[in-house]
Amino acid sequence: MNPAPPYVPAHGLLRGKSVLVTAAAGAGIGFAVARRCAEEGCRALVISDVHERRLAEAAAAIRAETGLADVHSQLCDVSREDQVRSLMAFAEERLGGTDVLINNAGLGTSRRIVEMADDEWDKVIAVTLTGTFRMTRAGLKVMQPRGRGVIVNNASVLGWRAQVEQAHYAAAKAGVMALTRCAAVEAAEFGVRINAVAPSIAIHAFLKKSASEELLAELASREAFGRGAEPWEVANVMVFLASDYSSYMTGEVVSVSSQRA
């Protein structure tokens, strides 16, 4: 197994931009990308999540670790339209206009199809796919009139690939990919770009709680580097897509994987 590389120094890729990140509490990709945005020079940041204590801790950690004082947080369940609207209004006010929206919220469980109840299927779709749709719609409503903006969605290689007990999650992530492509075509005439990342496996504390050690080891062993990604390695690609360095990219789904997607 190859060890993880050193943490990559910041290059000011988001200098002067404002950013909204969903599902940014805790130790996963959402927190990693929120911190990375602050390190890359964003002028203001709003993070959201459904966990009040972890959300407050995440905001405090970003302020302390990056020196960005203008970090705000608000609870939001992206499966609820009223909360999505409230979050978008909050972000617009606190950020003075949202330049970048990163849709990270998602929910996964493990269940074979024959054992899966409708409510489990519905909950995963509601958060992972419909929540991304709702946030994208809210973001476009404020970005399109301004003629600028970037949306980055978090998909998964499971949108392309089959895995046992992941039919609901894979279907939702495939939907995120299709949503990204179609929304990008609609938004292009308004100067708004929409892309997505599709990670294979990123190891963090919450994933370790929801999947067995044996399964995680097996999935990591399939990667060319013999390990899962660090959350910040996925965050780096998301920041690239959010930055002006990807100005000609829209409607793309970028695999963040060390093997063929």
Protein backbone atom coordinates (compact mmCIF):
# COMPACT_ATOMS: atom_id res chain seq x y z
CA MET A 1 0.00 0.00 0.00
CA ASN A 2 1.29 3.44 -0.93
CA PRO A 3 1.10 6.00 1.90
CA ALA A 4 -0.99 9.13 1.53
CA PRO A 5 0.99 12.05 0.09
CA PRO A 6 1.76 15.18 2.10
CA TYR A 7 -1.05 17.71 2.42
CA VAL A 8 -0.94 20.02 -0.62
CA PRO A 9 -0.17 23.70 0.10
CA ALA A 10 -2.79 26.25 -0.89
CA HIS A 11 -2.44 28.24 -4.11
CA GLY A 12 -5.15 30.89 -3.70
CA LEU A 13 -7.48 29.21 -6.20
CA LEU A 14 -10.62 30.70 -4.64
CA ARG A 15 -9.24 34.08 -3.64
CA GLY A 16 -12.06 36.61 -3.28
CA LYS A 17 -14.90 34.13 -3.83
CA SER A 18 -17.74 33.21 -1.46
CA VAL A 19 -18.66 29.57 -0.88
CA LEU A 20 -21.59 27.56 0.47
CA VAL A 21 -20.99 23.90 1.39
CA THR A 22 -23.68 21.42 2.47
CA ALA A 23 -23.04 18.50 4.86
CA ALA A 24 -19.81 20.04 6.11
CA ALA A 25 -19.82 18.92 9.76
CA GLY A 26 -17.62 16.13 11.04
CA ALA A 27 -14.59 14.56 9.41
CA GLY A 28 -15.73 13.70 5.89
CA ILE A 29 -15.38 15.22 2.43
CA GLY A 30 -17.71 18.11 3.29
CA PHE A 31 -15.54 19.39 6.12
CA ALA A 32 -12.39 18.77 4.07
CA VAL A 33 -13.65 20.84 1.14
CA ALA A 34 -14.94 23.63 3.39
CA ARG A 35 -11.55 23.88 5.08
CA ARG A 36 -9.78 23.70 1.73
CA CYS A 37 -11.94 26.56 0.38
CA ALA A 38 -10.92 28.69 3.34
CA GLU A 39 -7.27 27.79 2.82
CA GLU A 40 -7.56 28.62 -0.87
CA GLY A 41 -8.55 32.19 -0.07
CA CYS A 42 -12.33 32.37 -0.19
CA ARG A 43 -13.49 35.66 1.33
CA ALA A 44 -16.47 34.17 3.17
CA LEU A 45 -17.86 30.71 3.86
CA VAL A 46 -21.21 29.26 4.90
CA ILE A 47 -21.43 25.61 5.96
CA SER A 48 -24.55 23.60 6.72
CA ASP A 49 -25.44 20.21 8.15
CA VAL A 50 -28.18 18.47 10.14
CA HIS A 51 -25.99 17.96 13.23
CA GLU A 52 -26.05 21.12 15.34
CA ARG A 53 -23.14 20.40 17.70
CA ARG A 54 -20.82 19.02 15.01
CA LEU A 55 -21.71 21.93 12.73
CA ALA A 56 -20.74 24.50 15.36
CA GLU A 57 -17.52 22.60 16.04
CA ALA A 58 -16.71 22.49 12.32
CA ALA A 59 -17.18 26.24 11.90
CA ALA A 60 -15.00 26.93 14.94
CA ALA A 61 -12.30 24.56 13.68
CA ILE A 62 -12.19 26.20 10.25
CA ARG A 63 -11.84 29.65 11.81
CA ALA A 64 -9.08 28.46 14.13
CA GLU A 65 -7.15 26.38 11.59
CA THR A 66 -7.33 28.69 8.57
CA GLY A 67 -7.63 32.18 10.06
CA LEU A 68 -10.78 32.92 8.06
CA ALA A 69 -13.04 34.87 10.41
CA ASP A 70 -16.02 35.11 8.04
CA VAL A 71 -17.29 31.55 8.57
CA HIS A 72 -21.02 31.06 9.19
CA SER A 73 -23.16 27.99 9.80
CA GLN A 74 -26.82 27.08 9.56
CA LEU A 75 -28.69 23.84 10.08
CA CYS A 76 -30.28 22.44 6.93
CA ASP A 77 -31.94 19.17 5.98
CA VAL A 78 -31.72 19.23 2.18
CA SER A 79 -34.70 16.87 1.94
CA ARG A 80 -36.88 19.77 3.17
CA GLU A 81 -37.61 22.55 0.72
CA ASP A 82 -38.33 25.13 3.43
CA GLN A 83 -34.91 24.55 4.97
CA VAL A 84 -33.18 24.72 1.58
CA ARG A 85 -34.79 28.08 0.88
CA SER A 86 -33.83 29.33 4.33
CA LEU A 87 -30.22 28.21 3.86
CA MET A 88 -29.94 29.89 0.47
CA ALA A 89 -31.35 33.14 1.82
CA PHE A 90 -28.97 32.96 4.80
CA ALA A 91 -25.99 32.36 2.52
CA GLU A 92 -26.93 35.19 0.17
CA GLU A 93 -27.14 37.59 3.10
CA ARG A 94 -23.99 36.47 4.93
CA LEU A 95 -21.88 36.04 1.81
CA GLY A 96 -23.06 39.10 -0.06
CA GLY A 97 -23.93 36.76 -2.93
CA THR A 98 -22.97 33.12 -3.37
CA ASP A 99 -20.20 32.53 -5.92
CA VAL A 100 -19.72 28.79 -5.33
CA LEU A 101 -22.18 26.13 -4.15
CA ILE A 102 -20.79 22.73 -3.22
CA ASN A 103 -23.50 20.07 -2.90
CA ASN A 104 -21.99 17.44 -0.65
CA ALA A 105 -25.06 16.18 1.22
CA GLY A 106 -25.78 12.51 0.72
CA LEU A 107 -27.01 9.48 2.62
CA GLY A 108 -26.13 5.83 2.22
CA THR A 109 -27.07 2.56 3.88
CA SER A 110 -26.36 -1.07 3.00
CA ARG A 111 -29.28 -3.33 2.10
CA ARG A 112 -30.12 -5.95 -0.50
CA ILE A 113 -33.03 -5.04 -2.74
CA VAL A 114 -35.28 -7.86 -1.54
CA GLU A 115 -34.81 -6.71 2.06
CA MET A 116 -35.16 -2.98 1.40
CA ALA A 117 -38.33 -1.21 2.52
CA ASP A 118 -39.74 1.69 0.52
CA ASP A 119 -38.93 4.19 3.25
CA GLU A 120 -35.21 3.31 3.20
CA TRP A 121 -35.10 3.70 -0.58
CA ASP A 122 -37.06 6.96 -0.38
CA LYS A 123 -34.83 8.46 2.33
CA VAL A 124 -31.61 7.82 0.41
CA ILE A 125 -33.09 9.27 -2.79
CA ALA A 126 -34.59 12.24 -0.92
CA VAL A 127 -31.29 13.36 0.58
CA THR A 128 -28.78 12.27 -2.05
CA LEU A 129 -30.59 13.06 -5.31
CA THR A 130 -33.60 15.25 -4.55
CA GLY A 131 -31.61 17.27 -2.02
CA THR A 132 -28.97 17.98 -4.66
CA PHE A 133 -31.72 18.99 -7.08
CA ARG A 134 -33.28 21.35 -4.53
CA MET A 135 -29.97 23.01 -3.69
CA THR A 136 -29.07 23.29 -7.38
CA ARG A 137 -32.42 24.91 -8.13
CA ALA A 138 -31.97 27.35 -5.25
CA GLY A 139 -28.43 28.16 -6.34
CA LEU A 140 -29.39 28.75 -9.96
CA LYS A 141 -32.17 31.13 -8.94
CA VAL A 142 -29.61 33.50 -7.40
CA MET A 143 -26.64 32.83 -9.72
CA GLN A 144 -28.34 33.05 -13.12
CA PRO A 145 -29.58 36.65 -12.74
CA ARG A 146 -26.00 37.68 -11.82
CA GLY A 147 -24.55 35.92 -14.86
CA ARG A 148 -21.95 33.97 -12.91
CA GLY A 149 -21.48 31.17 -10.41
CA VAL A 150 -20.22 27.62 -10.00
CA ILE A 151 -21.92 24.52 -8.61
CA VAL A 152 -19.96 21.38 -7.73
CA ASN A 153 -21.84 18.18 -6.91
CA ASN A 154 -20.56 15.12 -5.07
CA ALA A 155 -21.48 11.98 -6.99
CA SER A 156 -19.77 8.57 -6.72
CA VAL A 157 -18.20 5.95 -8.95
CA LEU A 158 -21.19 3.83 -7.91
CA GLY A 159 -23.14 5.92 -10.41
CA TRP A 160 -21.24 3.88 -13.01
CA ARG A 161 -20.33 0.73 -11.12
CA ALA A 162 -22.32 -2.07 -9.46
CA GLN A 163 -21.95 -3.04 -5.80
CA VAL A 164 -23.98 -5.41 -3.67
CA GLU A 165 -26.39 -3.73 -1.20
CA GLN A 166 -25.96 -0.32 -2.86
CA ALA A 167 -28.80 -0.20 -5.41
CA HIS A 168 -30.48 2.82 -3.75
CA TYR A 169 -27.26 4.80 -3.27
CA ALA A 170 -25.95 3.94 -6.73
CA ALA A 171 -29.24 4.95 -8.34
CA ALA A 172 -29.19 8.25 -6.45
CA LYS A 173 -25.59 9.00 -7.46
CA ALA A 174 -26.27 8.08 -11.10
CA GLY A 175 -29.13 10.56 -10.86
CA VAL A 176 -26.75 13.22 -9.52
CA MET A 177 -24.55 12.65 -12.57
CA ALA A 178 -27.47 13.05 -14.98
CA LEU A 179 -28.75 16.08 -13.06
CA THR A 180 -25.29 17.64 -13.30
CA ARG A 181 -25.16 17.22 -17.08
CA CYS A 182 -28.68 18.49 -17.75
CA ALA A 183 -28.48 21.40 -15.31
CA ALA A 184 -25.14 22.44 -16.80
CA VAL A 185 -26.66 22.74 -20.28
CA GLU A 186 -29.49 24.88 -18.93
CA ALA A 187 -27.16 27.09 -16.88
CA ALA A 188 -24.46 27.63 -19.50
CA GLU A 189 -26.30 30.45 -21.28
CA PHE A 190 -26.34 32.35 -17.98
CA GLY A 191 -22.60 31.99 -17.35
CA VAL A 192 -23.01 29.40 -14.57
CA ARG A 193 -20.92 26.21 -14.58
CA ILE A 194 -21.96 22.89 -12.99
CA ASN A 195 -19.68 19.87 -12.60
CA ALA A 196 -19.37 16.88 -10.29
CA VAL A 197 -16.76 14.64 -8.73
CA ALA A 198 -17.18 10.88 -8.47
CA PRO A 199 -14.97 9.53 -5.67
CA SER A 200 -14.31 5.81 -5.37
CA ILE A 201 -13.56 5.52 -1.66
CA ALA A 202 -12.45 8.18 0.81
CA ILE A 203 -11.73 6.92 4.31
CA HIS A 204 -13.00 8.98 7.23
CA ALA A 205 -14.47 8.43 10.68
CA PHE A 206 -18.14 8.39 9.66
CA LEU A 207 -17.55 5.87 6.89
CA LYS A 208 -15.82 3.59 9.38
CA LYS A 209 -18.98 3.68 11.51
CA SER A 210 -21.30 2.77 8.63
CA ALA A 211 -19.25 0.04 6.91
CA SER A 212 -17.36 -2.94 8.23
CA GLU A 213 -13.59 -2.88 8.50
CA GLU A 214 -13.45 -5.90 6.20
CA LEU A 215 -15.49 -4.21 3.47
CA LEU A 216 -13.44 -1.01 3.63
CA ALA A 217 -10.22 -3.01 3.43
CA GLU A 218 -11.53 -4.92 0.41
CA LEU A 219 -12.59 -1.75 -1.41
CA ALA A 220 -9.29 -0.03 -0.65
CA SER A 221 -7.35 -3.04 -1.92
CA ARG A 222 -8.97 -2.64 -5.35
CA GLU A 223 -7.43 0.80 -5.76
CA ALA A 224 -4.16 1.08 -7.67
CA PHE A 225 -2.54 2.79 -4.67
CA GLY A 226 -3.83 0.10 -2.33
CA ARG A 227 -5.58 2.65 -0.13
CA GLY A 228 -8.64 4.82 -0.03
CA ALA A 229 -8.38 8.53 -0.72
CA GLU A 230 -7.90 11.04 2.05
CA PRO A 231 -10.98 13.33 2.17
CA TRP A 232 -8.76 16.29 1.30
CA GLU A 233 -7.63 14.57 -1.91
CA VAL A 234 -11.24 14.59 -3.10
CA ALA A 235 -11.65 18.15 -1.82
CA ASN A 236 -8.71 19.30 -3.96
CA VAL A 237 -10.50 18.22 -7.13
CA MET A 238 -13.71 19.90 -6.00
CA VAL A 239 -11.81 23.13 -5.40
CA PHE A 240 -10.29 22.88 -8.88
CA LEU A 241 -13.78 22.56 -10.37
CA ALA A 242 -14.94 25.53 -8.28
CA SER A 243 -12.02 27.66 -9.43
CA ASP A 244 -11.40 29.63 -12.61
CA TYR A 245 -8.83 27.02 -13.63
CA SER A 246 -11.74 24.86 -14.86
CA SER A 247 -13.43 27.72 -16.73
CA TYR A 248 -14.11 25.63 -19.87
CA MET A 249 -15.55 22.66 -17.98
CA THR A 250 -19.27 22.22 -17.45
CA GLY A 251 -21.52 19.18 -17.30
CA GLU A 252 -18.53 16.97 -16.53
CA VAL A 253 -18.26 14.20 -13.94
CA VAL A 254 -14.65 13.76 -12.85
CA SER A 255 -13.69 10.42 -11.36
CA VAL A 256 -11.53 10.80 -8.25
CA SER A 257 -10.19 7.29 -8.21
CA SER A 258 -6.93 5.41 -8.55
CA GLN A 259 -8.44 2.86 -10.88
CA ARG A 260 -10.67 2.84 -13.95
CA ALA A 261 -14.09 4.14 -12.91
